[in-house]
Amino acid sequence: MADIKLTKTDRRKVAWRHQFLQGSWNYERMQNGGWCYAMIPAIKKLYSDKDQRAAALKRHLEFYNTHPYVSAPIIGVTLALEEERANGAPVDDTAIQGVKVGMMGPLAGVGDPVFWFTIRPILGALGASLALSGSIVGPILFFVAWNVIRLAFLWYTQEFGYNVGTSIAKDLSGGMLGQITEGASILGMFIIGALVERWVSISFTPVVSTIPQQEGAYIDWANLPSGAEGIKQALTQYSTLGPTGLDANKVTTLQQNLDQLIPGLAAVGLTLLCCKLLRKNVSPIVIILALFVIGVIGRFFQFM
């Protein structure tokens, strides 16, 4: 019997459906419905037996959640594994689910900074600048450019995943799958680590020291001329002295000391603590509530 192959038309159908990955998002298994919906054309092509189709649908209704765009290479790899399985290769449910779980977490950290924090703001700013000048080209440019980039990325990364996935399926015992997932993990953790300071903000307000400053190191508000001339002198002195020149006493807080030691140290520490708690199977809801309570207490007692 000839091998069953997914044609480019079949893969295009999957790519089109994959756009609606979050169409049936739910709190229990998140994007599993959209993922399974995208896989249906491939499942119909690869499996003619009703029971095999049902089993394939069932394994693709497991938990799945990642950035909707970087999900494309994952579904490409999965298509290749399903194709190999349909042709008799020793690819079991665990291997297929392992690919999805091993790649979806690390790649999720790549999607947000690339699409939401880089490409979309750049295109939005370009379109807005044209729109502010009265040109209708602005919103049209944003809509067209964004969708061209989005659709091209979905299709070509799915094809890349499909081609790489064929190699993975032929080398399940050779460690290639482990190398792919490890590489994705390293990339994802690098992106997340770089964004921790931006996403996590902690400020400890306790005063460590209060030191009187020498004359000339601060703005002498009492001796400034009145009116516009006084404002001008104050701004001139501020540009030279900086924020520390606003007061006769130099106040140093705990947060300033930590920032001089390692900027973002508290944010990194909190992130690592949350990761450790998650690895110990502490519920994310419990962690969120605990952080909320600590924040309220810290604000009330003015140490945060």
Protein backbone atom coordinates (compact mmCIF):
# COMPACT_ATOMS: atom_id res chain seq x y z
CA MET A 1 0.00 0.00 0.00
CA ALA A 2 1.30 3.44 -0.94
CA ASP A 3 2.10 5.87 1.82
CA ILE A 4 -0.55 8.45 2.67
CA LYS A 5 0.77 11.97 2.21
CA LEU A 6 -0.67 15.31 3.24
CA THR A 7 -0.71 17.48 0.15
CA LYS A 8 -0.07 21.22 0.20
CA THR A 9 -3.84 21.70 -0.18
CA ASP A 10 -4.45 19.63 2.95
CA ARG A 11 -1.88 21.64 4.86
CA ARG A 12 -3.40 24.90 3.65
CA LYS A 13 -6.77 23.81 5.04
CA VAL A 14 -5.14 23.16 8.40
CA ALA A 15 -3.37 26.53 8.31
CA TRP A 16 -6.64 28.33 7.51
CA ARG A 17 -8.49 26.63 10.38
CA HIS A 18 -5.53 27.22 12.70
CA GLN A 19 -6.25 30.97 12.53
CA PHE A 20 -9.26 30.27 14.76
CA LEU A 21 -7.21 28.55 17.45
CA GLN A 22 -8.81 30.61 20.21
CA GLY A 23 -12.34 30.41 18.82
CA SER A 24 -13.50 27.99 21.53
CA TRP A 25 -11.08 28.94 24.33
CA ASN A 26 -12.07 27.47 27.69
CA TYR A 27 -10.68 27.51 31.23
CA GLU A 28 -10.26 23.75 31.49
CA ARG A 29 -8.18 22.91 28.39
CA MET A 30 -7.83 26.39 26.88
CA GLN A 31 -7.07 26.15 23.12
CA ASN A 32 -7.74 22.42 22.70
CA GLY A 33 -11.00 22.94 20.77
CA GLY A 34 -9.41 25.25 18.21
CA TRP A 35 -6.41 22.93 17.87
CA CYS A 36 -8.60 19.90 17.24
CA TYR A 37 -10.71 21.88 14.76
CA ALA A 38 -7.55 22.76 12.82
CA MET A 39 -6.42 19.10 12.72
CA ILE A 40 -9.70 17.73 11.31
CA PRO A 41 -8.78 18.01 7.56
CA ALA A 42 -5.53 16.12 8.20
CA ILE A 43 -7.23 13.48 10.35
CA LYS A 44 -9.82 12.84 7.64
CA LYS A 45 -7.10 12.46 5.02
CA LEU A 46 -4.82 10.22 7.09
CA TYR A 47 -7.35 7.88 8.70
CA SER A 48 -10.21 6.22 6.87
CA ASP A 49 -11.34 4.07 9.80
CA LYS A 50 -13.98 5.66 12.04
CA ASP A 51 -12.39 4.41 15.26
CA GLN A 52 -8.96 5.73 14.25
CA ARG A 53 -10.44 9.13 13.49
CA ALA A 54 -12.20 9.18 16.87
CA ALA A 55 -8.98 8.25 18.64
CA ALA A 56 -7.08 11.00 16.80
CA LEU A 57 -9.69 13.58 17.72
CA LYS A 58 -9.57 12.46 21.33
CA ARG A 59 -5.77 12.82 21.64
CA HIS A 60 -5.94 16.29 20.12
CA LEU A 61 -8.54 17.42 22.64
CA GLU A 62 -5.95 17.30 25.44
CA PHE A 63 -4.82 20.52 27.15
CA TYR A 64 -3.09 22.96 24.83
CA ASN A 65 -2.18 26.62 25.23
CA THR A 66 0.40 28.88 23.62
CA HIS A 67 0.65 32.11 21.62
CA PRO A 68 -1.74 31.69 18.65
CA TYR A 69 0.91 32.59 16.04
CA VAL A 70 3.91 30.61 17.27
CA SER A 71 1.58 27.64 17.49
CA ALA A 72 2.05 27.21 13.72
CA PRO A 73 5.41 25.37 13.83
CA ILE A 74 4.03 23.10 16.56
CA ILE A 75 1.05 22.09 14.44
CA GLY A 76 3.43 21.55 11.51
CA VAL A 77 5.52 19.09 13.54
CA THR A 78 2.32 17.40 14.75
CA LEU A 79 1.07 16.97 11.17
CA ALA A 80 4.32 15.22 10.25
CA LEU A 81 4.08 12.91 13.26
CA GLU A 82 0.46 12.05 12.48
CA GLU A 83 1.41 11.34 8.87
CA GLU A 84 4.20 8.99 9.95
CA ARG A 85 1.87 7.27 12.41
CA ALA A 86 -0.79 6.75 9.73
CA ASN A 87 1.90 5.08 7.58
CA GLY A 88 2.85 2.61 10.31
CA ALA A 89 5.71 4.37 12.10
CA PRO A 90 6.00 3.68 15.88
CA VAL A 91 4.62 7.09 16.91
CA ASP A 92 2.34 6.79 19.93
CA ASP A 93 0.04 9.25 21.69
CA THR A 94 2.74 10.08 24.24
CA ALA A 95 5.21 11.16 21.55
CA ILE A 96 2.67 13.42 19.85
CA GLN A 97 1.51 14.98 23.11
CA GLY A 98 5.13 15.30 24.24
CA VAL A 99 5.96 17.43 21.19
CA LYS A 100 3.02 19.72 21.85
CA VAL A 101 3.72 20.14 25.56
CA GLY A 102 7.49 20.42 25.08
CA MET A 103 7.20 23.23 22.54
CA MET A 104 4.08 25.17 23.51
CA GLY A 105 5.45 26.53 26.80
CA PRO A 106 8.82 27.87 25.61
CA LEU A 107 7.47 29.29 22.35
CA ALA A 108 4.65 31.11 24.18
CA GLY A 109 7.29 33.43 25.63
CA VAL A 110 8.49 34.33 22.14
CA GLY A 111 5.15 35.33 20.63
CA ASP A 112 4.25 38.25 22.90
CA PRO A 113 7.47 40.28 22.57
CA VAL A 114 7.74 39.65 18.82
CA PHE A 115 4.13 40.29 17.79
CA TRP A 116 2.36 42.26 20.52
CA PHE A 117 5.33 44.37 21.69
CA THR A 118 7.27 44.87 18.44
CA ILE A 119 5.56 44.29 15.10
CA ARG A 120 2.05 45.43 16.02
CA PRO A 121 3.13 48.68 17.80
CA ILE A 122 5.47 49.58 14.92
CA LEU A 123 2.75 49.08 12.31
CA GLY A 124 0.21 50.83 14.55
CA ALA A 125 2.46 53.85 15.01
CA LEU A 126 3.09 54.05 11.26
CA GLY A 127 -0.61 53.80 10.46
CA ALA A 128 -1.56 56.31 13.18
CA SER A 129 0.97 58.87 11.94
CA LEU A 130 -0.53 58.69 8.44
CA ALA A 131 -4.07 58.84 9.84
CA LEU A 132 -3.26 61.95 11.92
CA SER A 133 -2.16 63.71 8.75
CA GLY A 134 -5.62 63.01 7.30
CA SER A 135 -4.65 60.10 5.06
CA ILE A 136 -6.98 57.09 4.83
CA VAL A 137 -3.94 55.04 3.84
CA GLY A 138 -2.97 54.81 7.55
CA PRO A 139 -5.58 52.31 8.79
CA ILE A 140 -5.54 50.45 5.46
CA LEU A 141 -1.77 50.08 5.64
CA PHE A 142 -1.96 48.76 9.21
CA PHE A 143 -4.71 46.26 8.36
CA VAL A 144 -3.07 44.96 5.18
CA ALA A 145 0.51 44.84 6.47
CA TRP A 146 -0.45 43.17 9.74
CA ASN A 147 -2.48 40.44 8.06
CA VAL A 148 0.11 39.80 5.36
CA ILE A 149 2.80 39.33 8.02
CA ARG A 150 0.48 37.23 10.20
CA LEU A 151 -0.70 34.90 7.43
CA ALA A 152 2.77 34.53 5.94
CA PHE A 153 4.24 33.66 9.34
CA LEU A 154 1.49 31.10 10.05
CA TRP A 155 1.94 29.35 6.72
CA TYR A 156 5.73 29.31 6.38
CA THR A 157 6.42 28.35 10.00
CA GLN A 158 3.84 25.57 9.73
CA GLU A 159 5.64 24.31 6.62
CA PHE A 160 8.95 24.57 8.46
CA GLY A 161 7.54 22.55 11.35
CA TYR A 162 6.12 19.97 8.94
CA ASN A 163 9.47 19.48 7.19
CA VAL A 164 11.40 19.32 10.46
CA GLY A 165 8.76 17.05 11.96
CA THR A 166 9.34 14.43 9.30
CA SER A 167 12.98 14.22 10.41
CA ILE A 168 11.90 13.99 14.05
CA ALA A 169 9.55 11.12 13.28
CA LYS A 170 12.36 9.20 11.55
CA ASP A 171 14.74 9.81 14.45
CA LEU A 172 12.59 9.35 17.57
CA SER A 173 15.34 7.31 19.20
CA GLY A 174 18.16 9.60 18.12
CA GLY A 175 17.48 12.51 20.44
CA MET A 176 16.38 15.03 17.79
CA LEU A 177 13.06 15.60 19.55
CA GLY A 178 14.93 16.35 22.76
CA GLN A 179 17.20 18.81 20.95
CA ILE A 180 14.25 20.64 19.40
CA THR A 181 12.35 20.98 22.69
CA GLU A 182 15.52 21.93 24.58
CA GLY A 183 16.35 24.62 22.03
CA ALA A 184 12.81 25.99 22.22
CA SER A 185 13.02 25.99 26.02
CA ILE A 186 16.30 27.92 26.02
CA LEU A 187 14.94 30.52 23.61
CA GLY A 188 11.70 30.92 25.57
CA MET A 189 13.45 31.26 28.93
CA PHE A 190 15.89 33.81 27.47
CA ILE A 191 12.99 35.98 26.25
CA ILE A 192 11.09 35.65 29.53
CA GLY A 193 14.22 36.46 31.54
CA ALA A 194 14.84 39.59 29.48
CA LEU A 195 11.27 40.79 30.06
CA VAL A 196 11.02 40.07 33.81
CA GLU A 197 12.11 43.57 34.80
CA ARG A 198 9.56 45.09 32.43
CA TRP A 199 6.63 42.93 33.53
CA VAL A 200 7.37 42.65 37.26
CA SER A 201 7.57 45.85 39.29
CA ILE A 202 8.48 45.90 43.00
CA SER A 203 9.54 48.94 45.01
CA PHE A 204 10.55 48.79 48.69
CA THR A 205 9.97 52.22 50.27
CA PRO A 206 11.65 52.01 53.74
CA VAL A 207 14.21 54.83 54.20
CA VAL A 208 17.73 53.55 54.82
CA SER A 209 19.44 56.90 55.39
CA THR A 210 18.82 60.66 55.39
CA ILE A 211 21.95 62.78 54.83
CA PRO A 212 22.00 66.63 54.80
CA GLN A 213 23.46 67.92 51.54
CA GLN A 214 26.05 70.67 51.21
CA GLU A 215 25.08 74.11 50.00
CA GLY A 216 24.95 74.19 46.23
CA ALA A 217 24.07 70.50 45.96
CA TYR A 218 20.35 71.26 46.17
CA ILE A 219 17.91 73.93 45.07
CA ASP A 220 17.51 76.64 47.72
CA TRP A 221 13.81 77.19 47.22
CA ALA A 222 13.58 79.93 49.88
CA ASN A 223 16.05 82.21 48.09
CA LEU A 224 14.78 81.82 44.54
CA PRO A 225 13.41 84.98 42.89
CA SER A 226 9.65 85.19 42.54
CA GLY A 227 7.79 84.72 39.30
CA ALA A 228 9.08 83.43 35.99
CA GLU A 229 12.73 84.15 36.85
CA GLY A 230 12.53 81.84 39.88
CA ILE A 231 11.00 79.05 37.81
CA LYS A 232 13.74 79.48 35.19
CA GLN A 233 16.51 79.25 37.81
CA ALA A 234 14.90 76.20 39.43
CA LEU A 235 14.71 74.38 36.09
CA THR A 236 18.29 75.31 35.26
CA GLN A 237 19.57 74.03 38.61
CA TYR A 238 17.46 70.87 38.31
CA SER A 239 19.00 70.06 34.93
CA THR A 240 22.42 70.20 36.59
CA LEU A 241 21.70 68.63 39.99
CA GLY A 242 19.12 66.04 38.99
CA PRO A 243 16.38 64.58 41.22
CA THR A 244 18.64 64.55 44.32
CA GLY A 245 18.78 68.36 44.19
CA LEU A 246 15.10 68.83 44.97
CA ASP A 247 15.59 68.57 48.72
CA ALA A 248 18.20 69.68 51.27
CA ASN A 249 18.37 66.13 52.59
CA LYS A 250 19.43 63.19 50.45
CA VAL A 251 17.06 60.33 51.21
CA THR A 252 18.12 56.79 50.28
CA THR A 253 15.50 54.03 50.19
CA LEU A 254 15.95 50.28 50.35
CA GLN A 255 14.93 50.01 46.70
CA GLN A 256 17.67 52.44 45.62
CA ASN A 257 20.27 50.33 47.42
CA LEU A 258 18.98 47.18 45.74
CA ASP A 259 19.05 48.88 42.34
CA GLN A 260 22.67 49.90 42.90
CA LEU A 261 23.51 46.30 43.77
CA ILE A 262 21.62 44.56 40.93
CA PRO A 263 18.80 46.37 39.06
CA GLY A 264 15.65 44.26 39.03
CA LEU A 265 16.92 41.90 41.73
CA ALA A 266 13.61 41.83 43.61
CA ALA A 267 11.62 41.18 40.41
CA VAL A 268 13.89 38.28 39.44
CA GLY A 269 13.71 36.86 42.97
CA LEU A 270 9.92 37.01 43.00
CA THR A 271 9.74 35.35 39.56
CA LEU A 272 12.04 32.53 40.64
CA LEU A 273 10.01 32.06 43.84
CA CYS A 274 6.78 31.75 41.84
CA CYS A 275 8.46 29.23 39.49
CA LYS A 276 9.60 27.17 42.48
CA LEU A 277 6.11 27.21 44.01
CA LEU A 278 4.61 26.10 40.69
CA ARG A 279 7.09 23.22 40.50
CA LYS A 280 5.94 22.19 43.97
CA ASN A 281 2.38 22.02 42.58
CA VAL A 282 1.16 25.12 44.40
CA SER A 283 -1.98 26.37 42.65
CA PRO A 284 -1.48 29.50 40.48
CA ILE A 285 -4.67 30.92 42.01
CA VAL A 286 -3.15 30.60 45.49
CA ILE A 287 0.03 32.37 44.31
CA ILE A 288 -1.96 35.21 42.71
CA LEU A 289 -4.09 35.70 45.85
CA ALA A 290 -0.98 35.62 48.07
CA LEU A 291 0.73 38.28 45.94
CA PHE A 292 -2.43 40.40 46.06
CA VAL A 293 -2.62 40.18 49.87
CA ILE A 294 1.10 40.93 50.30
CA GLY A 295 0.77 43.95 48.00
CA VAL A 296 -2.18 45.34 49.95
CA ILE A 297 -0.42 44.80 53.31
CA GLY A 298 2.81 46.32 51.98
CA ARG A 299 0.96 49.41 50.75
CA PHE A 300 -1.01 49.76 53.98
CA PHE A 301 2.09 49.59 56.20
CA GLN A 302 4.07 51.63 53.64
CA PHE A 303 7.00 49.25 53.17
CA MET A 304 6.18 48.66 49.48
